[in-house]
Amino acid sequence: MAIETTQNDIVYRPKIPDIPISKHLPLHSYCLRNKNHPSSKPCIINDATRDIYTYTDVELNALRVALGLNKLGIQQGDVIILFLPNSLKFIFSFLGASF
């Protein structure tokens, strides 16, 4: 793993190449864009509880978060912080913020 330093930041770079992400495509579209899979195909499996979330489940939960953020007055261009452990709530919140 290579380490780059810039002023006060340290950036860790793996040896594998970066994943190209289009700058004109919203993050949620990039994550959920593969429409070749059926909506009922598993997208996330929670190992601890064995709960299975399909692509449709993930998108609907993220949209619910997006609606909640909108009701709080958060709009496109606003900056928010997500302070959550690695969990399904983080995934849904992260994608919801992108919506």
PDB file of N, CA and C in Angstrom:
ATOM      1  N   MET A   1       0.850  -1.174   0.000  1.00  0.00           N
ATOM      2  CA  MET A   1       0.000   0.000   0.000  1.00  0.00           C
ATOM      3  C   MET A   1       0.894   1.235   0.000  1.00  0.00           C
ATOM      4  N   ALA A   2       0.649   2.138  -0.891  1.00  0.00           N
ATOM      5  CA  ALA A   2       1.424   3.375  -0.986  1.00  0.00           C
ATOM      6  C   ALA A   2       0.809   4.444  -0.096  1.00  0.00           C
ATOM      7  N   ILE A   3       1.662   5.286   0.446  1.00  0.00           N
ATOM      8  CA  ILE A   3       1.194   6.385   1.288  1.00  0.00           C
ATOM      9  C   ILE A   3       1.625   7.693   0.645  1.00  0.00           C
ATOM     10  N   GLU A   4       0.659   8.574   0.432  1.00  0.00           N
ATOM     11  CA  GLU A   4       0.922   9.895  -0.116  1.00  0.00           C
ATOM     12  C   GLU A   4       0.630  10.915   0.974  1.00  0.00           C
ATOM     13  N   THR A   5       1.442  11.935   1.067  1.00  0.00           N
ATOM     14  CA  THR A   5       1.171  12.997   2.030  1.00  0.00           C
ATOM     15  C   THR A   5       1.023  14.313   1.291  1.00  0.00           C
ATOM     16  N   THR A   6       0.023  15.069   1.678  1.00  0.00           N
ATOM     17  CA  THR A   6      -0.194  16.403   1.122  1.00  0.00           C
ATOM     18  C   THR A   6      -0.508  17.325   2.285  1.00  0.00           C
ATOM     19  N   GLN A   7       0.345  18.263   2.534  1.00  0.00           N
ATOM     20  CA  GLN A   7       0.220  19.207   3.645  1.00  0.00           C
ATOM     21  C   GLN A   7      -0.073  18.447   4.934  1.00  0.00           C
ATOM     22  N   ASN A   8      -1.302  18.495   5.443  1.00  0.00           N
ATOM     23  CA  ASN A   8      -1.637  17.853   6.711  1.00  0.00           C
ATOM     24  C   ASN A   8      -2.406  16.550   6.544  1.00  0.00           C
ATOM     25  N   ASP A   9      -2.622  16.120   5.313  1.00  0.00           N
ATOM     26  CA  ASP A   9      -3.413  14.927   5.063  1.00  0.00           C
ATOM     27  C   ASP A   9      -2.511  13.751   4.710  1.00  0.00           C
ATOM     28  N   ILE A  10      -2.943  12.565   5.098  1.00  0.00           N
ATOM     29  CA  ILE A  10      -2.275  11.332   4.691  1.00  0.00           C
ATOM     30  C   ILE A  10      -3.296  10.519   3.923  1.00  0.00           C
ATOM     31  N   VAL A  11      -2.959  10.113   2.715  1.00  0.00           N
ATOM     32  CA  VAL A  11      -3.867   9.347   1.864  1.00  0.00           C
ATOM     33  C   VAL A  11      -3.263   7.966   1.650  1.00  0.00           C
ATOM     34  N   TYR A  12      -4.002   6.924   1.991  1.00  0.00           N
ATOM     35  CA  TYR A  12      -3.557   5.557   1.772  1.00  0.00           C
ATOM     36  C   TYR A  12      -4.125   5.070   0.447  1.00  0.00           C
ATOM     37  N   ARG A  13      -3.305   4.577  -0.423  1.00  0.00           N
ATOM     38  CA  ARG A  13      -3.732   4.102  -1.738  1.00  0.00           C
ATOM     39  C   ARG A  13      -3.409   2.619  -1.859  1.00  0.00           C
ATOM     40  N   PRO A  14      -4.420   1.796  -2.158  1.00  0.00           N
ATOM     41  CA  PRO A  14      -4.145   0.366  -2.368  1.00  0.00           C
ATOM     42  C   PRO A  14      -3.403   0.159  -3.685  1.00  0.00           C
ATOM     43  N   LYS A  15      -2.846  -1.022  -3.848  1.00  0.00           N
ATOM     44  CA  LYS A  15      -2.107  -1.330  -5.066  1.00  0.00           C
ATOM     45  C   LYS A  15      -3.034  -1.594  -6.256  1.00  0.00           C
ATOM     46  N   ILE A  16      -4.315  -1.879  -5.982  1.00  0.00           N
ATOM     47  CA  ILE A  16      -5.255  -2.099  -7.078  1.00  0.00           C
ATOM     48  C   ILE A  16      -5.668  -0.748  -7.665  1.00  0.00           C
ATOM     49  N   PRO A  17      -6.049  -0.702  -8.946  1.00  0.00           N
ATOM     50  CA  PRO A  17      -6.403   0.587  -9.558  1.00  0.00           C
ATOM     51  C   PRO A  17      -7.712   1.148  -9.005  1.00  0.00           C
ATOM     52  N   ASP A  18      -7.856   2.465  -9.107  1.00  0.00           N
ATOM     53  CA  ASP A  18      -9.092   3.130  -8.695  1.00  0.00           C
ATOM     54  C   ASP A  18     -10.252   2.657  -9.563  1.00  0.00           C
ATOM     55  N   ILE A  19     -11.457   2.711  -9.013  1.00  0.00           N
ATOM     56  CA  ILE A  19     -12.668   2.384  -9.759  1.00  0.00           C
ATOM     57  C   ILE A  19     -13.139   3.657 -10.439  1.00  0.00           C
ATOM     58  N   PRO A  20     -13.276   3.648 -11.762  1.00  0.00           N
ATOM     59  CA  PRO A  20     -13.724   4.881 -12.430  1.00  0.00           C
ATOM     60  C   PRO A  20     -15.196   5.165 -12.134  1.00  0.00           C
ATOM     61  N   ILE A  21     -15.480   6.352 -11.663  1.00  0.00           N
ATOM     62  CA  ILE A  21     -16.851   6.776 -11.377  1.00  0.00           C
ATOM     63  C   ILE A  21     -17.105   8.047 -12.168  1.00  0.00           C
ATOM     64  N   SER A  22     -18.154   8.026 -12.963  1.00  0.00           N
ATOM     65  CA  SER A  22     -18.502   9.176 -13.788  1.00  0.00           C
ATOM     66  C   SER A  22     -18.850  10.370 -12.909  1.00  0.00           C
ATOM     67  N   LYS A  23     -18.327  11.522 -13.229  1.00  0.00           N
ATOM     68  CA  LYS A  23     -18.589  12.722 -12.437  1.00  0.00           C
ATOM     69  C   LYS A  23     -19.981  13.295 -12.692  1.00  0.00           C
ATOM     70  N   HIS A  24     -20.627  12.897 -13.779  1.00  0.00           N
ATOM     71  CA  HIS A  24     -21.959  13.431 -14.073  1.00  0.00           C
ATOM     72  C   HIS A  24     -23.070  12.521 -13.553  1.00  0.00           C
ATOM     73  N   LEU A  25     -22.707  11.409 -12.946  1.00  0.00           N
ATOM     74  CA  LEU A  25     -23.683  10.434 -12.469  1.00  0.00           C
ATOM     75  C   LEU A  25     -23.799  10.534 -10.945  1.00  0.00           C
ATOM     76  N   PRO A  26     -25.007  10.753 -10.402  1.00  0.00           N
ATOM     77  CA  PRO A  26     -25.154  10.788  -8.943  1.00  0.00           C
ATOM     78  C   PRO A  26     -24.719   9.459  -8.318  1.00  0.00           C
ATOM     79  N   LEU A  27     -24.234   9.523  -7.090  1.00  0.00           N
ATOM     80  CA  LEU A  27     -23.711   8.338  -6.416  1.00  0.00           C
ATOM     81  C   LEU A  27     -24.748   7.226  -6.315  1.00  0.00           C
ATOM     82  N   HIS A  28     -25.985   7.575  -5.963  1.00  0.00           N
ATOM     83  CA  HIS A  28     -27.007   6.536  -5.829  1.00  0.00           C
ATOM     84  C   HIS A  28     -27.279   5.867  -7.177  1.00  0.00           C
ATOM     85  N   SER A  29     -27.209   6.611  -8.249  1.00  0.00           N
ATOM     86  CA  SER A  29     -27.400   6.020  -9.575  1.00  0.00           C
ATOM     87  C   SER A  29     -26.263   5.071  -9.908  1.00  0.00           C
ATOM     88  N   TYR A  30     -25.040   5.459  -9.536  1.00  0.00           N
ATOM     89  CA  TYR A  30     -23.891   4.587  -9.786  1.00  0.00           C
ATOM     90  C   TYR A  30     -24.034   3.269  -9.014  1.00  0.00           C
ATOM     91  N   CYS A  31     -24.453   3.368  -7.757  1.00  0.00           N
ATOM     92  CA  CYS A  31     -24.564   2.168  -6.916  1.00  0.00           C
ATOM     93  C   CYS A  31     -25.716   1.264  -7.321  1.00  0.00           C
ATOM     94  N   LEU A  32     -26.792   1.839  -7.806  1.00  0.00           N
ATOM     95  CA  LEU A  32     -27.995   1.058  -8.120  1.00  0.00           C
ATOM     96  C   LEU A  32     -28.274   0.994  -9.613  1.00  0.00           C
ATOM     97  N   ARG A  33     -27.310   1.363 -10.440  1.00  0.00           N
ATOM     98  CA  ARG A  33     -27.561   1.542 -11.873  1.00  0.00           C
ATOM     99  C   ARG A  33     -27.683   0.262 -12.672  1.00  0.00           C
ATOM    100  N   ASN A  34     -27.145  -0.827 -12.204  1.00  0.00           N
ATOM    101  CA  ASN A  34     -27.120  -2.055 -12.997  1.00  0.00           C
ATOM    102  C   ASN A  34     -28.528  -2.623 -13.108  1.00  0.00           C
ATOM    103  N   LYS A  35     -29.213  -2.273 -14.146  1.00  0.00           N
ATOM    104  CA  LYS A  35     -30.596  -2.721 -14.326  1.00  0.00           C
ATOM    105  C   LYS A  35     -30.667  -4.099 -14.997  1.00  0.00           C
ATOM    106  N   ASN A  36     -29.511  -4.747 -15.195  1.00  0.00           N
ATOM    107  CA  ASN A  36     -29.511  -6.103 -15.753  1.00  0.00           C
ATOM    108  C   ASN A  36     -29.939  -7.126 -14.719  1.00  0.00           C
ATOM    109  N   HIS A  37     -29.897  -6.746 -13.463  1.00  0.00           N
ATOM    110  CA  HIS A  37     -30.306  -7.682 -12.416  1.00  0.00           C
ATOM    111  C   HIS A  37     -31.786  -7.480 -12.114  1.00  0.00           C
ATOM    112  N   PRO A  38     -32.462  -8.545 -11.746  1.00  0.00           N
ATOM    113  CA  PRO A  38     -33.864  -8.367 -11.341  1.00  0.00           C
ATOM    114  C   PRO A  38     -33.932  -7.602 -10.019  1.00  0.00           C
ATOM    115  N   SER A  39     -34.976  -6.820  -9.835  1.00  0.00           N
ATOM    116  CA  SER A  39     -35.151  -6.030  -8.613  1.00  0.00           C
ATOM    117  C   SER A  39     -35.212  -6.900  -7.375  1.00  0.00           C
ATOM    118  N   SER A  40     -35.577  -8.152  -7.560  1.00  0.00           N
ATOM    119  CA  SER A  40     -35.715  -9.055  -6.420  1.00  0.00           C
ATOM    120  C   SER A  40     -34.410  -9.763  -6.075  1.00  0.00           C
ATOM    121  N   LYS A  41     -33.337  -9.471  -6.817  1.00  0.00           N
ATOM    122  CA  LYS A  41     -32.045 -10.096  -6.550  1.00  0.00           C
ATOM    123  C   LYS A  41     -31.444  -9.502  -5.269  1.00  0.00           C
ATOM    124  N   PRO A  42     -30.813 -10.323  -4.420  1.00  0.00           N
ATOM    125  CA  PRO A  42     -30.201  -9.784  -3.202  1.00  0.00           C
ATOM    126  C   PRO A  42     -29.149  -8.735  -3.514  1.00  0.00           C
ATOM    127  N   CYS A  43     -29.212  -7.642  -2.777  1.00  0.00           N
ATOM    128  CA  CYS A  43     -28.247  -6.549  -2.922  1.00  0.00           C
ATOM    129  C   CYS A  43     -27.344  -6.506  -1.687  1.00  0.00           C
ATOM    130  N   ILE A  44     -27.954  -6.641  -0.510  1.00  0.00           N
ATOM    131  CA  ILE A  44     -27.220  -6.618   0.759  1.00  0.00           C
ATOM    132  C   ILE A  44     -27.716  -7.771   1.623  1.00  0.00           C
ATOM    133  N   ILE A  45     -26.785  -8.488   2.208  1.00  0.00           N
ATOM    134  CA  ILE A  45     -27.125  -9.553   3.146  1.00  0.00           C
ATOM    135  C   ILE A  45     -26.481  -9.205   4.478  1.00  0.00           C
ATOM    136  N   ASN A  46     -27.303  -9.055   5.512  1.00  0.00           N
ATOM    137  CA  ASN A  46     -26.822  -8.762   6.849  1.00  0.00           C
ATOM    138  C   ASN A  46     -26.406 -10.084   7.489  1.00  0.00           C
ATOM    139  N   ASP A  47     -25.106 -10.292   7.627  1.00  0.00           N
ATOM    140  CA  ASP A  47     -24.600 -11.562   8.132  1.00  0.00           C
ATOM    141  C   ASP A  47     -25.050 -11.840   9.562  1.00  0.00           C
ATOM    142  N   ALA A  48     -25.133 -10.796  10.375  1.00  0.00           N
ATOM    143  CA  ALA A  48     -25.492 -10.982  11.786  1.00  0.00           C
ATOM    144  C   ALA A  48     -26.928 -11.471  11.953  1.00  0.00           C
ATOM    145  N   THR A  49     -27.844 -10.931  11.158  1.00  0.00           N
ATOM    146  CA  THR A  49     -29.263 -11.287  11.309  1.00  0.00           C
ATOM    147  C   THR A  49     -29.781 -12.187  10.200  1.00  0.00           C
ATOM    148  N   ARG A  50     -28.959 -12.353   9.157  1.00  0.00           N
ATOM    149  CA  ARG A  50     -29.343 -13.127   7.960  1.00  0.00           C
ATOM    150  C   ARG A  50     -30.477 -12.466   7.183  1.00  0.00           C
ATOM    151  N   ASP A  51     -30.726 -11.174   7.437  1.00  0.00           N
ATOM    152  CA  ASP A  51     -31.717 -10.432   6.658  1.00  0.00           C
ATOM    153  C   ASP A  51     -31.164 -10.189   5.264  1.00  0.00           C
ATOM    154  N   ILE A  52     -32.027 -10.320   4.273  1.00  0.00           N
ATOM    155  CA  ILE A  52     -31.646 -10.104   2.882  1.00  0.00           C
ATOM    156  C   ILE A  52     -32.436  -8.923   2.341  1.00  0.00           C
ATOM    157  N   TYR A  53     -31.710  -7.953   1.767  1.00  0.00           N
ATOM    158  CA  TYR A  53     -32.333  -6.769   1.178  1.00  0.00           C
ATOM    159  C   TYR A  53     -32.100  -6.810  -0.326  1.00  0.00           C
ATOM    160  N   THR A  54     -33.183  -6.755  -1.074  1.00  0.00           N
ATOM    161  CA  THR A  54     -33.087  -6.747  -2.531  1.00  0.00           C
ATOM    162  C   THR A  54     -32.717  -5.352  -3.008  1.00  0.00           C
ATOM    163  N   TYR A  55     -32.435  -5.220  -4.297  1.00  0.00           N
ATOM    164  CA  TYR A  55     -32.145  -3.899  -4.866  1.00  0.00           C
ATOM    165  C   TYR A  55     -33.331  -2.959  -4.655  1.00  0.00           C
ATOM    166  N   THR A  56     -34.533  -3.482  -4.785  1.00  0.00           N
ATOM    167  CA  THR A  56     -35.730  -2.665  -4.560  1.00  0.00           C
ATOM    168  C   THR A  56     -35.808  -2.228  -3.103  1.00  0.00           C
ATOM    169  N   ASP A  57     -35.527  -3.149  -2.158  1.00  0.00           N
ATOM    170  CA  ASP A  57     -35.547  -2.805  -0.732  1.00  0.00           C
ATOM    171  C   ASP A  57     -34.551  -1.695  -0.413  1.00  0.00           C
ATOM    172  N   VAL A  58     -33.350  -1.810  -0.949  1.00  0.00           N
ATOM    173  CA  VAL A  58     -32.311  -0.819  -0.684  1.00  0.00           C
ATOM    174  C   VAL A  58     -32.727   0.544  -1.241  1.00  0.00           C
ATOM    175  N   GLU A  59     -33.230   0.546  -2.462  1.00  0.00           N
ATOM    176  CA  GLU A  59     -33.644   1.806  -3.074  1.00  0.00           C
ATOM    177  C   GLU A  59     -34.807   2.444  -2.307  1.00  0.00           C
ATOM    178  N   LEU A  60     -35.787   1.648  -1.899  1.00  0.00           N
ATOM    179  CA  LEU A  60     -36.934   2.195  -1.160  1.00  0.00           C
ATOM    180  C   LEU A  60     -36.513   2.743   0.198  1.00  0.00           C
ATOM    181  N   ASN A  61     -35.639   2.030   0.902  1.00  0.00           N
ATOM    182  CA  ASN A  61     -35.164   2.525   2.200  1.00  0.00           C
ATOM    183  C   ASN A  61     -34.367   3.815   2.036  1.00  0.00           C
ATOM    184  N   ALA A  62     -33.543   3.883   1.006  1.00  0.00           N
ATOM    185  CA  ALA A  62     -32.773   5.105   0.747  1.00  0.00           C
ATOM    186  C   ALA A  62     -33.697   6.264   0.389  1.00  0.00           C
ATOM    187  N   LEU A  63     -34.737   5.989  -0.377  1.00  0.00           N
ATOM    188  CA  LEU A  63     -35.701   7.036  -0.724  1.00  0.00           C
ATOM    189  C   LEU A  63     -36.458   7.525   0.502  1.00  0.00           C
ATOM    190  N   ARG A  64     -36.738   6.640   1.450  1.00  0.00           N
ATOM    191  CA  ARG A  64     -37.397   7.045   2.697  1.00  0.00           C
ATOM    192  C   ARG A  64     -36.499   8.001   3.482  1.00  0.00           C
ATOM    193  N   VAL A  65     -35.210   7.673   3.532  1.00  0.00           N
ATOM    194  CA  VAL A  65     -34.259   8.563   4.208  1.00  0.00           C
ATOM    195  C   VAL A  65     -34.209   9.908   3.485  1.00  0.00           C
ATOM    196  N   ALA A  66     -34.164   9.876   2.158  1.00  0.00           N
ATOM    197  CA  ALA A  66     -34.122  11.112   1.373  1.00  0.00           C
ATOM    198  C   ALA A  66     -35.354  11.975   1.665  1.00  0.00           C
ATOM    199  N   LEU A  67     -36.510  11.356   1.754  1.00  0.00           N
ATOM    200  CA  LEU A  67     -37.736  12.088   2.060  1.00  0.00           C
ATOM    201  C   LEU A  67     -37.665  12.705   3.450  1.00  0.00           C
ATOM    202  N   GLY A  68     -37.141  11.934   4.413  1.00  0.00           N
ATOM    203  CA  GLY A  68     -36.989  12.456   5.773  1.00  0.00           C
ATOM    204  C   GLY A  68     -36.034  13.636   5.831  1.00  0.00           C
ATOM    205  N   LEU A  69     -34.929  13.533   5.110  1.00  0.00           N
ATOM    206  CA  LEU A  69     -33.976  14.648   5.061  1.00  0.00           C
ATOM    207  C   LEU A  69     -34.616  15.882   4.438  1.00  0.00           C
ATOM    208  N   ASN A  70     -35.398  15.661   3.391  1.00  0.00           N
ATOM    209  CA  ASN A  70     -36.085  16.767   2.731  1.00  0.00           C
ATOM    210  C   ASN A  70     -37.079  17.428   3.672  1.00  0.00           C
ATOM    211  N   LYS A  71     -37.799  16.623   4.458  1.00  0.00           N
ATOM    212  CA  LYS A  71     -38.765  17.171   5.411  1.00  0.00           C
ATOM    213  C   LYS A  71     -38.072  17.987   6.496  1.00  0.00           C
ATOM    214  N   LEU A  72     -36.794  17.673   6.764  1.00  0.00           N
ATOM    215  CA  LEU A  72     -36.024  18.446   7.745  1.00  0.00           C
ATOM    216  C   LEU A  72     -35.486  19.742   7.150  1.00  0.00           C
ATOM    217  N   GLY A  73     -35.704  19.931   5.848  1.00  0.00           N
ATOM    218  CA  GLY A  73     -35.263  21.153   5.189  1.00  0.00           C
ATOM    219  C   GLY A  73     -33.917  21.025   4.493  1.00  0.00           C
ATOM    220  N   ILE A  74     -33.362  19.821   4.467  1.00  0.00           N
ATOM    221  CA  ILE A  74     -32.081  19.627   3.800  1.00  0.00           C
ATOM    222  C   ILE A  74     -32.330  19.562   2.303  1.00  0.00           C
ATOM    223  N   GLN A  75     -31.539  20.347   1.567  1.00  0.00           N
ATOM    224  CA  GLN A  75     -31.723  20.441   0.118  1.00  0.00           C
ATOM    225  C   GLN A  75     -30.438  20.113  -0.611  1.00  0.00           C
ATOM    226  N   GLN A  76     -30.542  19.942  -1.930  1.00  0.00           N
ATOM    227  CA  GLN A  76     -29.377  19.660  -2.750  1.00  0.00           C
ATOM    228  C   GLN A  76     -28.331  20.746  -2.545  1.00  0.00           C
ATOM    229  N   GLY A  77     -27.096  20.327  -2.350  1.00  0.00           N
ATOM    230  CA  GLY A  77     -25.998  21.260  -2.133  1.00  0.00           C
ATOM    231  C   GLY A  77     -25.673  21.464  -0.665  1.00  0.00           C
ATOM    232  N   ASP A  78     -26.592  21.089   0.238  1.00  0.00           N
ATOM    233  CA  ASP A  78     -26.315  21.190   1.670  1.00  0.00           C
ATOM    234  C   ASP A  78     -25.304  20.115   2.065  1.00  0.00           C
ATOM    235  N   VAL A  79     -24.600  20.365   3.136  1.00  0.00           N
ATOM    236  CA  VAL A  79     -23.622  19.409   3.652  1.00  0.00           C
ATOM    237  C   VAL A  79     -24.174  18.804   4.930  1.00  0.00           C
ATOM    238  N   ILE A  80     -24.124  17.477   5.011  1.00  0.00           N
ATOM    239  CA  ILE A  80     -24.570  16.792   6.220  1.00  0.00           C
ATOM    240  C   ILE A  80     -23.453  15.862   6.681  1.00  0.00           C
ATOM    241  N   ILE A  81     -23.556  15.404   7.911  1.00  0.00           N
ATOM    242  CA  ILE A  81     -22.600  14.435   8.432  1.00  0.00           C
ATOM    243  C   ILE A  81     -23.375  13.207   8.886  1.00  0.00           C
ATOM    244  N   LEU A  82     -22.835  12.052   8.571  1.00  0.00           N
ATOM    245  CA  LEU A  82     -23.415  10.792   9.030  1.00  0.00           C
ATOM    246  C   LEU A  82     -22.479  10.223  10.078  1.00  0.00           C
ATOM    247  N   PHE A  83     -22.956  10.113  11.284  1.00  0.00           N
ATOM    248  CA  PHE A  83     -22.141   9.581  12.371  1.00  0.00           C
ATOM    249  C   PHE A  83     -22.788   8.283  12.827  1.00  0.00           C
ATOM    250  N   LEU A  84     -22.522   7.231  12.083  1.00  0.00           N
ATOM    251  CA  LEU A  84     -23.130   5.929  12.341  1.00  0.00           C
ATOM    252  C   LEU A  84     -22.055   4.854  12.230  1.00  0.00           C
ATOM    253  N   PRO A  85     -22.245   3.742  12.935  1.00  0.00           N
ATOM    254  CA  PRO A  85     -21.321   2.622  12.731  1.00  0.00           C
ATOM    255  C   PRO A  85     -21.592   1.971  11.371  1.00  0.00           C
ATOM    256  N   ASN A  86     -20.673   1.128  10.934  1.00  0.00           N
ATOM    257  CA  ASN A  86     -20.916   0.378   9.702  1.00  0.00           C
ATOM    258  C   ASN A  86     -22.141  -0.506   9.933  1.00  0.00           C
ATOM    259  N   SER A  87     -23.209  -0.171   9.242  1.00  0.00           N
ATOM    260  CA  SER A  87     -24.463  -0.888   9.431  1.00  0.00           C
ATOM    261  C   SER A  87     -25.369  -0.610   8.243  1.00  0.00           C
ATOM    262  N   LEU A  88     -26.496  -1.292   8.226  1.00  0.00           N
ATOM    263  CA  LEU A  88     -27.475  -1.026   7.175  1.00  0.00           C
ATOM    264  C   LEU A  88     -27.976   0.407   7.248  1.00  0.00           C
ATOM    265  N   LYS A  89     -28.117   0.932   8.460  1.00  0.00           N
ATOM    266  CA  LYS A  89     -28.576   2.319   8.608  1.00  0.00           C
ATOM    267  C   LYS A  89     -27.623   3.279   7.906  1.00  0.00           C
ATOM    268  N   PHE A  90     -26.324   2.984   7.966  1.00  0.00           N
ATOM    269  CA  PHE A  90     -25.366   3.850   7.284  1.00  0.00           C
ATOM    270  C   PHE A  90     -25.560   3.768   5.773  1.00  0.00           C
ATOM    271  N   ILE A  91     -25.728   2.579   5.251  1.00  0.00           N
ATOM    272  CA  ILE A  91     -25.906   2.396   3.806  1.00  0.00           C
ATOM    273  C   ILE A  91     -27.142   3.147   3.329  1.00  0.00           C
ATOM    274  N   PHE A  92     -28.260   2.949   4.020  1.00  0.00           N
ATOM    275  CA  PHE A  92     -29.499   3.603   3.617  1.00  0.00           C
ATOM    276  C   PHE A  92     -29.375   5.125   3.748  1.00  0.00           C
ATOM    277  N   SER A  93     -28.727   5.588   4.813  1.00  0.00           N
ATOM    278  CA  SER A  93     -28.551   7.032   5.021  1.00  0.00           C
ATOM    279  C   SER A  93     -27.622   7.634   3.980  1.00  0.00           C
ATOM    280  N   PHE A  94     -26.543   6.943   3.679  1.00  0.00           N
ATOM    281  CA  PHE A  94     -25.574   7.416   2.691  1.00  0.00           C
ATOM    282  C   PHE A  94     -26.218   7.551   1.316  1.00  0.00           C
ATOM    283  N   LEU A  95     -26.940   6.504   0.897  1.00  0.00           N
ATOM    284  CA  LEU A  95     -27.608   6.556  -0.396  1.00  0.00           C
ATOM    285  C   LEU A  95     -28.752   7.569  -0.377  1.00  0.00           C
ATOM    286  N   GLY A  96     -29.469   7.651   0.754  1.00  0.00           N
ATOM    287  CA  GLY A  96     -30.554   8.619   0.884  1.00  0.00           C
ATOM    288  C   GLY A  96     -30.057  10.045   0.771  1.00  0.00           C
ATOM    289  N   ALA A  97     -28.894  10.329   1.337  1.00  0.00           N
ATOM    290  CA  ALA A  97     -28.315  11.667   1.233  1.00  0.00           C
ATOM    291  C   ALA A  97     -27.957  11.964  -0.226  1.00  0.00           C
ATOM    292  N   SER A  98     -27.546  10.946  -0.955  1.00  0.00           N
ATOM    293  CA  SER A  98     -27.227  11.144  -2.373  1.00  0.00           C
ATOM    294  C   SER A  98     -28.478  11.440  -3.192  1.00  0.00           C
ATOM    295  N   PHE A  99     -29.607  10.798  -2.828  1.00  0.00           N
ATOM    296  CA  PHE A  99     -30.862  11.088  -3.515  1.00  0.00           C
ATOM    297  C   PHE A  99     -31.257  12.529  -3.282  1.00  0.00           C
TER     298      PHE A  99
END
